[in-house]
Every structure is written in structure tokens, then in C-alpha cells.
């Protein structure tokens, strides 16, 4: 029980101190986020995995207002052991974003909007390799948990809509890490 309560009280204690201007005008943030998805399919016949990494950089144009861009990279794998069908795809993209941070403590909620384009390369059993692209728009909400004056962990829940041969959408949970410079 002590192991569970100690981190909670440390976080609460850290949040009671004012932040030291991490999101002030002129600052730069560098970091990224990760999304790992392993669906709970029929484990005997279907295996699937998805990994997405998005390094990013942002510039604070005003206090608590950042504009920047991310470079999303993803890998998706699907295998059906019953039929032998496999599909693998990878992508690379460009995604401008805007963020607004709230509050003046070491725990800062934020809202984020983004859009972008991704190029995909797909290999499937019995088909020719193909290349295509998707355009997307998304928004999300997260919390910057500042570990010190320059480093934050950022859990974020987001919703993305994209067009890749049809309109699709998804809710995502991402875990980010940012370093705030200058």
C-alpha cells in the first residue's frame, strides 16, 4: 500500500509548487509520443500489432500557446494463421499542430488540434505492393505532468478522422515525453 501512495503524494506535493515558466512565449518544446495497440483478437488464429511514434517540435508564440509539427511514423502487422494471409504496412507523415495549456502549476492540462498527411506502403499476401496516402484531422486533450522545470510526461486522449480510400476514425491513448528549452 505504501508503494502505491508514495508516488501519488509525491505528485501532489510537486503540483503544489508553481511552474517555472515552461510554457512562456519564446520557449521551445521537443519530444514526442507513442501509441502501441495490440488488439484482443482470437489469439489462436489472428495476430495483430500496431506501433506509432511521433517525434515533434513546437514553438511558443504566446504564453501557453504553441504551434509546431510532428513526424508520425507507424508500423502495422496482421497475420491470420488459419488462412496464411499477412498484411504489413508502414507510414511516414507530416502533421502540424496547435496547443493551448491551462493553469500555472506543474500539472498543466492542454487541448491540441492537428491535421496532416501520411504516406503508406503496404504488402499483402497474393497482391502487389501498393502505396497510398491519407489526410487526417484530429483533436485531443492531455495533461503535461512536469517532473522538473524542463521535462514533462504527457498522457493524451485524442480522436482522429482520416480519409484513406474511405473515411475512418479512431480514439487513441498516447503517452508523450517533452523537453522544454530556453
Foldseek 3Di string as FASTA:
>chain_A
DCVVVVVVVVLVVQQVDWADQLQAAFKKKWWWKKFKDWDPDPVVFKGKIKIKIWTWMWHRRHRQKIKIKIKIKMKIWMAGNVVRKIKIKIKIWIKIKMKGWDDGTLKIKMKMKIKIKMKMWMDIPPDDIDIFMKIKIKMKIWIWRHPHNFKTKIWIWMKMWMDTPHIDIDITIMIMIMTMGD
